[in-house]
C-alpha atoms as a PDB file:
ATOM      1  CA  MET A   1      -0.189   0.154   0.194  1.00  0.00           C
ATOM      2  CA  ALA A   2       1.393   3.338  -0.818  1.00  0.00           C
ATOM      3  CA  PRO A   3       2.187   5.799   1.678  1.00  0.00           C
ATOM      4  CA  SER A   4      -0.254   9.036   2.234  1.00  0.00           C
ATOM      5  CA  SER A   5       0.877  12.179   1.548  1.00  0.00           C
ATOM      6  CA  THR A   6       2.598  14.038   4.481  1.00  0.00           C
ATOM      7  CA  SER A   7       3.145  17.549   5.113  1.00  0.00           C
ATOM      8  CA  ARG A   8       6.263  19.489   6.159  1.00  0.00           C
ATOM      9  CA  THR A   9       7.242  22.880   7.030  1.00  0.00           C
ATOM     10  CA  LEU A  10       9.865  24.783   4.736  1.00  0.00           C
ATOM     11  CA  THR A  11      12.872  26.741   6.062  1.00  0.00           C
ATOM     12  CA  VAL A  12      13.521  29.320   3.181  1.00  0.00           C
ATOM     13  CA  VAL A  13      17.203  30.291   2.550  1.00  0.00           C
ATOM     14  CA  PRO A  14      17.573  33.446   0.483  1.00  0.00           C
ATOM     15  CA  VAL A  15      20.557  33.390  -2.059  1.00  0.00           C
ATOM     16  CA  PRO A  16      21.752  36.600  -3.866  1.00  0.00           C
ATOM     17  CA  GLY A  17      20.420  35.664  -7.352  1.00  0.00           C
ATOM     18  CA  PRO A  18      17.263  34.547  -9.065  1.00  0.00           C
ATOM     19  CA  GLY A  19      16.030  31.023 -10.052  1.00  0.00           C
ATOM     20  CA  ALA A  20      18.210  28.702  -7.713  1.00  0.00           C
ATOM     21  CA  GLU A  21      17.218  25.836  -9.958  1.00  0.00           C
ATOM     22  CA  ASP A  22      19.008  22.837  -8.678  1.00  0.00           C
ATOM     23  CA  VAL A  23      20.728  21.984  -5.327  1.00  0.00           C
ATOM     24  CA  LEU A  24      23.730  19.684  -4.635  1.00  0.00           C
ATOM     25  CA  VAL A  25      24.817  19.025  -1.081  1.00  0.00           C
ATOM     26  CA  GLY A  26      28.339  18.172   0.417  1.00  0.00           C
ATOM     27  CA  HIS A  27      29.232  15.766   3.282  1.00  0.00           C
ATOM     28  CA  ASP A  28      29.686  18.626   5.604  1.00  0.00           C
ATOM     29  CA  GLY A  29      26.383  20.017   4.725  1.00  0.00           C
ATOM     30  CA  THR A  30      27.088  22.906   2.424  1.00  0.00           C
ATOM     31  CA  ALA A  31      24.687  23.302  -0.430  1.00  0.00           C
ATOM     32  CA  TYR A  32      25.486  24.384  -3.672  1.00  0.00           C
ATOM     33  CA  THR A  33      23.163  25.958  -6.264  1.00  0.00           C
ATOM     34  CA  GLY A  34      23.380  27.822  -9.667  1.00  0.00           C
ATOM     35  CA  THR A  35      21.326  30.949 -10.571  1.00  0.00           C
ATOM     36  CA  ALA A  36      19.797  32.693 -13.500  1.00  0.00           C
ATOM     37  CA  ASP A  37      22.650  35.049 -13.949  1.00  0.00           C
ATOM     38  CA  GLY A  38      25.125  32.063 -14.280  1.00  0.00           C
ATOM     39  CA  SER A  39      26.500  32.208 -10.880  1.00  0.00           C
ATOM     40  CA  ILE A  40      27.255  28.948  -8.484  1.00  0.00           C
ATOM     41  CA  PHE A  41      27.046  29.518  -4.949  1.00  0.00           C
ATOM     42  CA  ALA A  42      27.786  27.707  -1.840  1.00  0.00           C
ATOM     43  CA  VAL A  43      25.551  27.995   0.930  1.00  0.00           C
ATOM     44  CA  SER A  44      26.857  27.107   4.937  1.00  0.00           C
ATOM     45  CA  PRO A  45      24.545  24.491   6.129  1.00  0.00           C
ATOM     46  CA  ASP A  46      22.879  27.096   8.603  1.00  0.00           C
ATOM     47  CA  GLY A  47      22.598  29.406   5.532  1.00  0.00           C
ATOM     48  CA  ASN A  48      24.353  32.398   7.159  1.00  0.00           C
ATOM     49  CA  ILE A  49      27.379  32.197   5.287  1.00  0.00           C
ATOM     50  CA  ILE A  50      27.014  32.267   1.164  1.00  0.00           C
ATOM     51  CA  ARG A  51      29.874  32.404  -1.137  1.00  0.00           C
ATOM     52  CA  ARG A  52      30.045  32.719  -4.872  1.00  0.00           C
ATOM     53  CA  ILE A  53      32.411  30.177  -6.472  1.00  0.00           C
ATOM     54  CA  GLY A  54      32.362  31.697  -9.794  1.00  0.00           C
ATOM     55  CA  THR A  55      30.182  31.772 -13.261  1.00  0.00           C
ATOM     56  CA  THR A  56      29.383  29.866 -16.300  1.00  0.00           C
ATOM     57  CA  GLY A  57      28.657  32.470 -18.376  1.00  0.00           C
ATOM     58  CA  GLY A  58      25.547  30.861 -19.184  1.00  0.00           C
ATOM     59  CA  ARG A  59      22.154  29.596 -17.273  1.00  0.00           C
ATOM     60  CA  PRO A  60      23.466  26.485 -14.815  1.00  0.00           C
ATOM     61  CA  LEU A  61      20.550  23.945 -14.243  1.00  0.00           C
ATOM     62  CA  GLY A  62      21.568  20.291 -12.690  1.00  0.00           C
ATOM     63  CA  LEU A  63      24.274  20.125 -10.680  1.00  0.00           C
ATOM     64  CA  GLU A  64      26.498  16.680  -9.654  1.00  0.00           C
ATOM     65  CA  TRP A  65      29.713  15.758  -8.013  1.00  0.00           C
ATOM     66  CA  LEU A  66      32.954  15.213 -10.044  1.00  0.00           C
ATOM     67  CA  PRO A  67      36.168  14.230  -8.741  1.00  0.00           C
ATOM     68  CA  GLU A  68      39.130  16.143  -7.730  1.00  0.00           C
ATOM     69  CA  GLY A  69      37.282  19.234  -6.162  1.00  0.00           C
ATOM     70  CA  ARG A  70      34.956  19.767  -9.357  1.00  0.00           C
ATOM     71  CA  ILE A  71      31.320  19.960  -9.845  1.00  0.00           C
ATOM     72  CA  LEU A  72      29.355  18.969 -12.834  1.00  0.00           C
ATOM     73  CA  ILE A  73      27.381  21.768 -14.138  1.00  0.00           C
ATOM     74  CA  CYS A  74      24.334  21.177 -16.764  1.00  0.00           C
ATOM     75  CA  ASP A  75      24.351  24.667 -18.462  1.00  0.00           C
ATOM     76  CA  ALA A  76      21.176  25.187 -20.619  1.00  0.00           C
ATOM     77  CA  ARG A  77      23.033  27.601 -22.841  1.00  0.00           C
ATOM     78  CA  ARG A  78      26.769  26.285 -22.858  1.00  0.00           C
ATOM     79  CA  GLY A  79      26.215  22.576 -22.308  1.00  0.00           C
ATOM     80  CA  LEU A  80      27.846  20.055 -20.042  1.00  0.00           C
ATOM     81  CA  LEU A  81      30.557  21.964 -17.911  1.00  0.00           C
ATOM     82  CA  SER A  82      32.837  21.232 -15.278  1.00  0.00           C
ATOM     83  CA  MET A  83      33.866  23.748 -12.341  1.00  0.00           C
ATOM     84  CA  ALA A  84      36.879  23.733  -9.935  1.00  0.00           C
ATOM     85  CA  LEU A  85      35.462  24.652  -6.188  1.00  0.00           C
ATOM     86  CA  ALA A  86      38.857  26.093  -5.430  1.00  0.00           C
ATOM     87  CA  ASP A  87      38.794  28.948  -8.132  1.00  0.00           C
ATOM     88  CA  GLY A  88      35.741  28.912 -10.185  1.00  0.00           C
ATOM     89  CA  ARG A  89      37.788  27.952 -13.277  1.00  0.00           C
ATOM     90  CA  VAL A  90      35.151  26.207 -15.801  1.00  0.00           C
ATOM     91  CA  GLU A  91      35.934  23.634 -18.364  1.00  0.00           C
ATOM     92  CA  VAL A  92      33.416  22.570 -21.434  1.00  0.00           C
ATOM     93  CA  LEU A  93      33.185  18.879 -21.415  1.00  0.00           C
ATOM     94  CA  ALA A  94      30.452  18.661 -24.388  1.00  0.00           C
ATOM     95  CA  GLY A  95      28.815  21.323 -26.018  1.00  0.00           C
ATOM     96  CA  GLU A  96      27.515  19.680 -28.905  1.00  0.00           C
ATOM     97  CA  VAL A  97      25.708  16.275 -30.138  1.00  0.00           C
ATOM     98  CA  ASN A  98      26.907  15.159 -33.545  1.00  0.00           C
ATOM     99  CA  GLY A  99      28.221  18.207 -34.103  1.00  0.00           C
ATOM    100  CA  ILE A 100      25.004  20.321 -33.620  1.00  0.00           C
ATOM    101  CA  PRO A 101      24.926  22.476 -30.455  1.00  0.00           C
ATOM    102  CA  MET A 102      22.839  21.331 -27.705  1.00  0.00           C
ATOM    103  CA  ARG A 103      19.947  23.682 -26.753  1.00  0.00           C
ATOM    104  CA  PHE A 104      18.685  22.808 -23.492  1.00  0.00           C
ATOM    105  CA  CYS A 105      21.365  20.617 -21.359  1.00  0.00           C
ATOM    106  CA  ASN A 106      19.183  20.002 -18.290  1.00  0.00           C
ATOM    107  CA  ASN A 107      20.024  17.434 -15.600  1.00  0.00           C
ATOM    108  CA  ALA A 108      22.741  14.431 -14.922  1.00  0.00           C
ATOM    109  CA  ALA A 109      24.018  11.616 -13.305  1.00  0.00           C
ATOM    110  CA  VAL A 110      27.415  10.677 -12.749  1.00  0.00           C
ATOM    111  CA  LEU A 111      28.054   6.947 -12.543  1.00  0.00           C
ATOM    112  CA  GLY A 112      31.153   5.037 -10.586  1.00  0.00           C
ATOM    113  CA  ASP A 113      33.086   4.410 -14.108  1.00  0.00           C
ATOM    114  CA  GLY A 114      33.080   8.127 -14.861  1.00  0.00           C
ATOM    115  CA  SER A 115      30.264   8.266 -17.425  1.00  0.00           C
ATOM    116  CA  ILE A 116      27.958  11.188 -17.371  1.00  0.00           C
ATOM    117  CA  TRP A 117      24.152  10.494 -18.153  1.00  0.00           C
ATOM    118  CA  PHE A 118      22.601  13.777 -19.012  1.00  0.00           C
ATOM    119  CA  SER A 119      19.228  15.061 -20.401  1.00  0.00           C
ATOM    120  CA  ASP A 120      18.770  17.515 -23.363  1.00  0.00           C
ATOM    121  CA  SER A 121      15.431  18.661 -22.838  1.00  0.00           C
ATOM    122  CA  SER A 122      14.430  19.663 -26.569  1.00  0.00           C
ATOM    123  CA  ILE A 123      16.287  20.394 -29.707  1.00  0.00           C
ATOM    124  CA  LYS A 124      14.107  23.068 -31.015  1.00  0.00           C
ATOM    125  CA  TRP A 125      13.497  25.291 -27.842  1.00  0.00           C
ATOM    126  CA  GLY A 126      15.657  26.519 -25.378  1.00  0.00           C
ATOM    127  CA  ILE A 127      15.234  27.526 -21.691  1.00  0.00           C
ATOM    128  CA  ASP A 128      13.870  30.773 -22.251  1.00  0.00           C
ATOM    129  CA  ASP A 129      10.892  29.129 -24.200  1.00  0.00           C
ATOM    130  CA  TRP A 130      10.541  25.870 -22.411  1.00  0.00           C
ATOM    131  CA  LYS A 131       6.667  26.485 -22.057  1.00  0.00           C
ATOM    132  CA  SER A 132       6.902  26.401 -25.876  1.00  0.00           C
ATOM    133  CA  ASP A 133       8.230  23.050 -25.985  1.00  0.00           C
ATOM    134  CA  LEU A 134       5.615  21.553 -23.833  1.00  0.00           C
ATOM    135  CA  ILE A 135       2.712  23.293 -25.765  1.00  0.00           C
ATOM    136  CA  GLU A 136       3.964  22.145 -29.079  1.00  0.00           C
ATOM    137  CA  ASP A 137       4.814  18.720 -27.585  1.00  0.00           C
ATOM    138  CA  THR A 138       8.049  18.083 -29.777  1.00  0.00           C
ATOM    139  CA  ARG A 139       9.106  15.366 -28.021  1.00  0.00           C
ATOM    140  CA  THR A 140      12.394  16.012 -29.079  1.00  0.00           C
ATOM    141  CA  GLY A 141      14.083  15.490 -25.696  1.00  0.00           C
ATOM    142  CA  ARG A 142      16.907  13.112 -25.228  1.00  0.00           C
ATOM    143  CA  LEU A 143      19.037  11.043 -22.773  1.00  0.00           C
ATOM    144  CA  LEU A 144      22.620  11.447 -23.539  1.00  0.00           C
ATOM    145  CA  ARG A 145      25.695   9.331 -22.243  1.00  0.00           C
ATOM    146  CA  LEU A 146      29.293  11.039 -22.078  1.00  0.00           C
ATOM    147  CA  ALA A 147      32.097   8.273 -21.995  1.00  0.00           C
ATOM    148  CA  PRO A 148      34.924   8.996 -19.902  1.00  0.00           C
ATOM    149  CA  GLY A 149      37.756  11.117 -21.543  1.00  0.00           C
ATOM    150  CA  SER A 150      35.202  11.488 -24.629  1.00  0.00           C
ATOM    151  CA  ARG A 151      33.829  15.023 -25.963  1.00  0.00           C
ATOM    152  CA  ASN A 152      31.005  13.518 -27.958  1.00  0.00           C
ATOM    153  CA  PRO A 153      28.095  12.366 -26.197  1.00  0.00           C
ATOM    154  CA  GLU A 154      25.915   9.319 -27.499  1.00  0.00           C
ATOM    155  CA  VAL A 155      22.085   9.327 -27.873  1.00  0.00           C
ATOM    156  CA  VAL A 156      20.666   6.678 -25.523  1.00  0.00           C
ATOM    157  CA  ILE A 157      16.984   7.722 -25.783  1.00  0.00           C
ATOM    158  CA  ASP A 158      15.505  10.111 -28.082  1.00  0.00           C
ATOM    159  CA  GLY A 159      12.021  10.943 -28.538  1.00  0.00           C
ATOM    160  CA  LEU A 160      11.204  12.192 -25.046  1.00  0.00           C
ATOM    161  CA  CYS A 161       8.425  14.661 -24.107  1.00  0.00           C
ATOM    162  CA  PHE A 162      10.494  17.186 -22.563  1.00  0.00           C
ATOM    163  CA  ALA A 163      13.422  15.226 -20.825  1.00  0.00           C
ATOM    164  CA  ASN A 164      14.299  16.604 -17.597  1.00  0.00           C
ATOM    165  CA  GLY A 165      15.915  15.026 -14.355  1.00  0.00           C
ATOM    166  CA  VAL A 166      18.174  12.169 -14.349  1.00  0.00           C
ATOM    167  CA  ALA A 167      19.174   9.845 -11.707  1.00  0.00           C
ATOM    168  CA  LYS A 168      20.937   6.764 -11.019  1.00  0.00           C
ATOM    169  CA  SER A 169      19.980   3.904  -8.856  1.00  0.00           C
ATOM    170  CA  ALA A 170      21.604   3.057  -5.817  1.00  0.00           C
ATOM    171  CA  ASP A 171      23.624   0.248  -7.135  1.00  0.00           C
ATOM    172  CA  GLU A 172      24.087   1.969 -10.570  1.00  0.00           C
ATOM    173  CA  SER A 173      22.127  -0.969 -12.545  1.00  0.00           C
ATOM    174  CA  PHE A 174      19.914   1.644 -14.218  1.00  0.00           C
ATOM    175  CA  VAL A 175      19.295   5.397 -14.721  1.00  0.00           C
ATOM    176  CA  VAL A 176      16.152   6.928 -14.864  1.00  0.00           C
ATOM    177  CA  VAL A 177      14.975  10.107 -16.612  1.00  0.00           C
ATOM    178  CA  ALA A 178      12.076  12.196 -16.023  1.00  0.00           C
ATOM    179  CA  GLU A 179       9.615  13.107 -18.880  1.00  0.00           C
ATOM    180  CA  THR A 180       8.159  16.198 -17.695  1.00  0.00           C
ATOM    181  CA  GLY A 181       5.117  16.324 -20.449  1.00  0.00           C
ATOM    182  CA  LEU A 182       4.207  12.859 -20.254  1.00  0.00           C
ATOM    183  CA  ARG A 183       4.363  12.630 -16.204  1.00  0.00           C
ATOM    184  CA  ARG A 184       6.343   9.625 -16.242  1.00  0.00           C
ATOM    185  CA  LEU A 185      10.138   8.226 -15.447  1.00  0.00           C
ATOM    186  CA  ARG A 186      11.776   6.118 -17.949  1.00  0.00           C
ATOM    187  CA  ARG A 187      14.269   3.715 -16.891  1.00  0.00           C
ATOM    188  CA  HIS A 188      17.478   2.476 -19.048  1.00  0.00           C
ATOM    189  CA  TRP A 189      19.317  -0.567 -17.645  1.00  0.00           C
ATOM    190  CA  VAL A 190      23.006  -0.074 -17.635  1.00  0.00           C
ATOM    191  CA  ARG A 191      24.105  -3.227 -16.046  1.00  0.00           C
ATOM    192  CA  GLY A 192      22.721  -6.903 -15.796  1.00  0.00           C
ATOM    193  CA  GLU A 193      20.458  -9.190 -17.884  1.00  0.00           C
ATOM    194  CA  ARG A 194      18.656  -6.095 -19.129  1.00  0.00           C
ATOM    195  CA  ALA A 195      21.752  -3.991 -20.019  1.00  0.00           C
ATOM    196  CA  GLY A 196      20.612  -1.727 -23.127  1.00  0.00           C
ATOM    197  CA  GLN A 197      17.117  -2.132 -22.626  1.00  0.00           C
ATOM    198  CA  THR A 198      14.645   0.873 -22.079  1.00  0.00           C
ATOM    199  CA  ASP A 199      11.395   0.583 -20.068  1.00  0.00           C
ATOM    200  CA  THR A 200       8.723   2.781 -17.941  1.00  0.00           C
ATOM    201  CA  PHE A 201      10.095   2.999 -14.225  1.00  0.00           C
ATOM    202  CA  VAL A 202       6.787   4.966 -12.998  1.00  0.00           C
ATOM    203  CA  SER A 203       3.814   6.503 -14.936  1.00  0.00           C
ATOM    204  CA  ASP A 204       1.049   8.511 -14.604  1.00  0.00           C
ATOM    205  CA  LEU A 205       2.547  10.600 -11.896  1.00  0.00           C
ATOM    206  CA  PRO A 206       0.224  12.796 -10.159  1.00  0.00           C
ATOM    207  CA  ALA A 207       2.150  16.091 -11.339  1.00  0.00           C
ATOM    208  CA  HIS A 208       4.494  17.060 -13.625  1.00  0.00           C
ATOM    209  CA  PRO A 209       8.286  15.973 -12.658  1.00  0.00           C
ATOM    210  CA  ASP A 210      11.271  18.209 -12.897  1.00  0.00           C
ATOM    211  CA  ASN A 211      14.795  17.443 -11.402  1.00  0.00           C
ATOM    212  CA  ILE A 212      15.346  13.714  -9.955  1.00  0.00           C
ATOM    213  CA  ALA A 213      18.185  12.767  -7.541  1.00  0.00           C
ATOM    214  CA  LEU A 214      19.641   9.802  -5.862  1.00  0.00           C
ATOM    215  CA  GLY A 215      19.525  10.386  -2.100  1.00  0.00           C
ATOM    216  CA  SER A 216      21.703   9.573   0.780  1.00  0.00           C
ATOM    217  CA  ASP A 217      18.869   7.003   1.602  1.00  0.00           C
ATOM    218  CA  GLY A 218      19.298   4.928  -1.480  1.00  0.00           C
ATOM    219  CA  LEU A 219      15.772   6.559  -2.905  1.00  0.00           C
ATOM    220  CA  ILE A 220      15.273   8.350  -6.218  1.00  0.00           C
ATOM    221  CA  TRP A 221      13.619  11.502  -5.186  1.00  0.00           C
ATOM    222  CA  VAL A 222      11.434  13.514  -7.443  1.00  0.00           C
ATOM    223  CA  THR A 223      10.347  16.917  -7.706  1.00  0.00           C
ATOM    224  CA  TYR A 224       6.763  18.071  -8.960  1.00  0.00           C
ATOM    225  CA  ALA A 225       7.128  21.710 -10.550  1.00  0.00           C
ATOM    226  CA  SER A 226       3.408  21.824 -11.225  1.00  0.00           C
ATOM    227  CA  PRO A 227      -0.008  19.958 -11.036  1.00  0.00           C
ATOM    228  CA  THR A 228      -1.367  18.411 -13.683  1.00  0.00           C
ATOM    229  CA  ASP A 229      -2.857  21.468 -16.038  1.00  0.00           C
ATOM    230  CA  PRO A 230      -5.960  20.664 -18.016  1.00  0.00           C
ATOM    231  CA  ALA A 231      -5.080  23.257 -20.627  1.00  0.00           C
ATOM    232  CA  LEU A 232      -1.547  22.043 -21.172  1.00  0.00           C
ATOM    233  CA  THR A 233      -3.075  18.185 -21.222  1.00  0.00           C
ATOM    234  CA  PHE A 234      -5.519  19.514 -24.371  1.00  0.00           C
ATOM    235  CA  LEU A 235      -2.975  21.260 -26.272  1.00  0.00           C
ATOM    236  CA  GLN A 236      -1.016  17.840 -26.336  1.00  0.00           C
ATOM    237  CA  THR A 237      -3.574  15.713 -26.823  1.00  0.00           C
ATOM    238  CA  LYS A 238      -6.510  17.418 -28.667  1.00  0.00           C
ATOM    239  CA  ALA A 239      -5.881  20.584 -29.891  1.00  0.00           C
ATOM    240  CA  LYS A 240      -5.367  21.182 -34.050  1.00  0.00           C
ATOM    241  CA  PRO A 241      -2.106  22.529 -35.198  1.00  0.00           C
ATOM    242  CA  TRP A 242      -3.369  26.054 -35.879  1.00  0.00           C
ATOM    243  CA  LEU A 243      -4.222  26.352 -32.190  1.00  0.00           C
ATOM    244  CA  LYS A 244      -0.873  25.230 -31.014  1.00  0.00           C
ATOM    245  CA  ALA A 245       0.449  27.856 -33.274  1.00  0.00           C
ATOM    246  CA  ALA A 246      -1.876  30.495 -31.912  1.00  0.00           C
ATOM    247  CA  VAL A 247      -0.932  29.557 -28.284  1.00  0.00           C
ATOM    248  CA  LEU A 248       2.604  29.910 -29.111  1.00  0.00           C
ATOM    249  CA  ARG A 249       2.459  33.056 -30.451  1.00  0.00           C
ATOM    250  CA  ALA A 250       0.231  34.616 -27.570  1.00  0.00           C
ATOM    251  CA  PRO A 251       1.574  36.720 -24.858  1.00  0.00           C
ATOM    252  CA  GLU A 252       2.922  34.710 -21.896  1.00  0.00           C
ATOM    253  CA  ALA A 253      -0.060  35.756 -19.586  1.00  0.00           C
ATOM    254  CA  PHE A 254      -2.514  33.650 -21.972  1.00  0.00           C
ATOM    255  CA  LYS A 255       0.173  30.348 -22.118  1.00  0.00           C
ATOM    256  CA  PRO A 256      -0.299  27.437 -19.513  1.00  0.00           C
ATOM    257  CA  LYS A 257       1.770  28.190 -16.448  1.00  0.00           C
ATOM    258  CA  PRO A 258       2.884  26.111 -13.601  1.00  0.00           C
ATOM    259  CA  LYS A 259       0.569  26.428 -10.405  1.00  0.00           C
ATOM    260  CA  ARG A 260       1.957  27.078  -6.956  1.00  0.00           C
ATOM    261  CA  THR A 261       2.981  24.210  -5.472  1.00  0.00           C
ATOM    262  CA  VAL A 262       5.744  22.037  -3.361  1.00  0.00           C
ATOM    263  CA  ARG A 263       5.864  18.650  -3.393  1.00  0.00           C
ATOM    264  CA  VAL A 264       8.467  15.848  -3.805  1.00  0.00           C
ATOM    265  CA  ALA A 265       8.225  12.165  -3.741  1.00  0.00           C
ATOM    266  CA  ALA A 266      10.892   9.385  -3.303  1.00  0.00           C
ATOM    267  CA  TYR A 267      10.766   6.203  -5.085  1.00  0.00           C
ATOM    268  CA  ALA A 268      12.566   2.621  -4.167  1.00  0.00           C
ATOM    269  CA  ALA A 269      14.438   0.875  -6.684  1.00  0.00           C
ATOM    270  CA  SER A 270      11.519  -1.380  -7.019  1.00  0.00           C
ATOM    271  CA  ALA A 271       9.469   1.657  -8.226  1.00  0.00           C
ATOM    272  CA  ALA A 272       7.556   1.625  -4.875  1.00  0.00           C
ATOM    273  CA  LEU A 273       6.623   5.093  -3.296  1.00  0.00           C
ATOM    274  CA  VAL A 274       8.253   5.623  -0.169  1.00  0.00           C
ATOM    275  CA  HIS A 275       7.619   9.318   0.400  1.00  0.00           C
ATOM    276  CA  ASP A 276       5.189  11.849  -0.792  1.00  0.00           C
ATOM    277  CA  VAL A 277       5.827  15.279   0.992  1.00  0.00           C
ATOM    278  CA  SER A 278       4.047  18.496   0.317  1.00  0.00           C
ATOM    279  CA  CYS A 279       4.824  21.888   1.991  1.00  0.00           C
ATOM    280  CA  GLY A 280       2.970  25.198   1.975  1.00  0.00           C
ATOM    281  CA  ALA A 281       3.647  27.304  -1.108  1.00  0.00           C
ATOM    282  CA  GLY A 282       2.720  30.787   0.362  1.00  0.00           C
ATOM    283  CA  ALA A 283       6.616  32.065   0.749  1.00  0.00           C
ATOM    284  CA  TRP A 284       8.463  29.671  -1.614  1.00  0.00           C
ATOM    285  CA  HIS A 285       7.127  27.467  -4.600  1.00  0.00           C
ATOM    286  CA  MET A 286       7.963  25.604  -7.783  1.00  0.00           C
ATOM    287  CA  ALA A 287      10.576  23.198  -6.580  1.00  0.00           C
ATOM    288  CA  THR A 288      12.636  21.977  -9.397  1.00  0.00           C
ATOM    289  CA  GLY A 289      15.618  20.466  -7.615  1.00  0.00           C
ATOM    290  CA  VAL A 290      15.968  18.098  -4.738  1.00  0.00           C
ATOM    291  CA  ARG A 291      18.944  16.382  -2.779  1.00  0.00           C
ATOM    292  CA  GLU A 292      18.405  14.367   0.372  1.00  0.00           C
ATOM    293  CA  GLN A 293      21.291  14.140   2.591  1.00  0.00           C
ATOM    294  CA  ALA A 294      21.039  12.425   6.134  1.00  0.00           C
ATOM    295  CA  GLY A 295      17.119  13.016   6.499  1.00  0.00           C
ATOM    296  CA  ARG A 296      17.400  16.888   5.264  1.00  0.00           C
ATOM    297  CA  VAL A 297      15.665  17.328   2.086  1.00  0.00           C
ATOM    298  CA  TRP A 298      17.071  20.436   0.115  1.00  0.00           C
ATOM    299  CA  LEU A 299      15.043  21.932  -2.669  1.00  0.00           C
ATOM    300  CA  GLY A 300      15.938  24.389  -5.688  1.00  0.00           C
ATOM    301  CA  SER A 301      13.370  26.437  -7.720  1.00  0.00           C
ATOM    302  CA  LEU A 302      13.583  27.649 -11.321  1.00  0.00           C
ATOM    303  CA  VAL A 303      11.742  30.956 -10.189  1.00  0.00           C
ATOM    304  CA  GLU A 304      12.680  31.705  -6.491  1.00  0.00           C
ATOM    305  CA  PRO A 305      15.766  33.384  -5.390  1.00  0.00           C
ATOM    306  CA  ALA A 306      16.217  31.265  -2.619  1.00  0.00           C
ATOM    307  CA  LEU A 307      16.609  27.566  -1.652  1.00  0.00           C
ATOM    308  CA  ALA A 308      14.431  25.775   1.100  1.00  0.00           C
ATOM    309  CA  TRP A 309      14.696  22.483   2.946  1.00  0.00           C
ATOM    310  CA  PHE A 310      12.739  20.470   5.304  1.00  0.00           C
ATOM    311  CA  ASP A 311      13.662  17.625   7.638  1.00  0.00           C
ATOM    312  CA  LEU A 312      11.774  14.062   7.228  1.00  0.00           C
END
């Protein structure tokens, strides 16, 4: 039987930049995030000390750990980057796929063998027009893999409906990628008898998933950026091409938009739901990044100039 939804109180931690989209947490409790101006910040566990590590020169989204004091950054404008925590030095790991620049590098997982599995949300629309990809339902999102030492990512899965968060299982036998538009999580097997196969990990999610991440508890944590939107569902499934085109041309105020919510869930490797947590969305909303570390769950937001956390 699935657990019932629970409620927690959020603690909001302001950062000096808009849109702290994802969050990464070190063993000492320091939280890292990237903001819309390209900055990467380190936030002390109590939130009292915030240090700017450097800038990507683009729009950082997903963050992951790399060896030797570096973090991996999925930059929506520049591609897959590495940043040194000591001095903020940036290196481009991959900016193109088959010679074509990526439009929307989004989120990643790093495996023990050094391979990087990451998402490119759309080959047509970039981050400034992310709603347009969902409205048009391009299904051009991809799960990519960058082999150790390579600069040329390979396409593992294509045709995804706004590819978003990526997470590995605790035993690294599979990788999961979120399809925001279809409200499901896809699984690609990396090792074992099913290696190379792709199937569905969880479908018919109760809301639109964004970033996902493996927690210290061994669970795959999922953010829900917005509840289901009947207008978006209609545009994707029933609208004529002329209506989609009209909505794409319409002012932002007339396009479907995320509804205020703070909700995350956690799944076991078996796809069993373990946690379903909601928080009040009055002071902070639209959780797009999640990281569980020792019972504390940190959240990032595409729109808020702050991180937030709650304790399990």
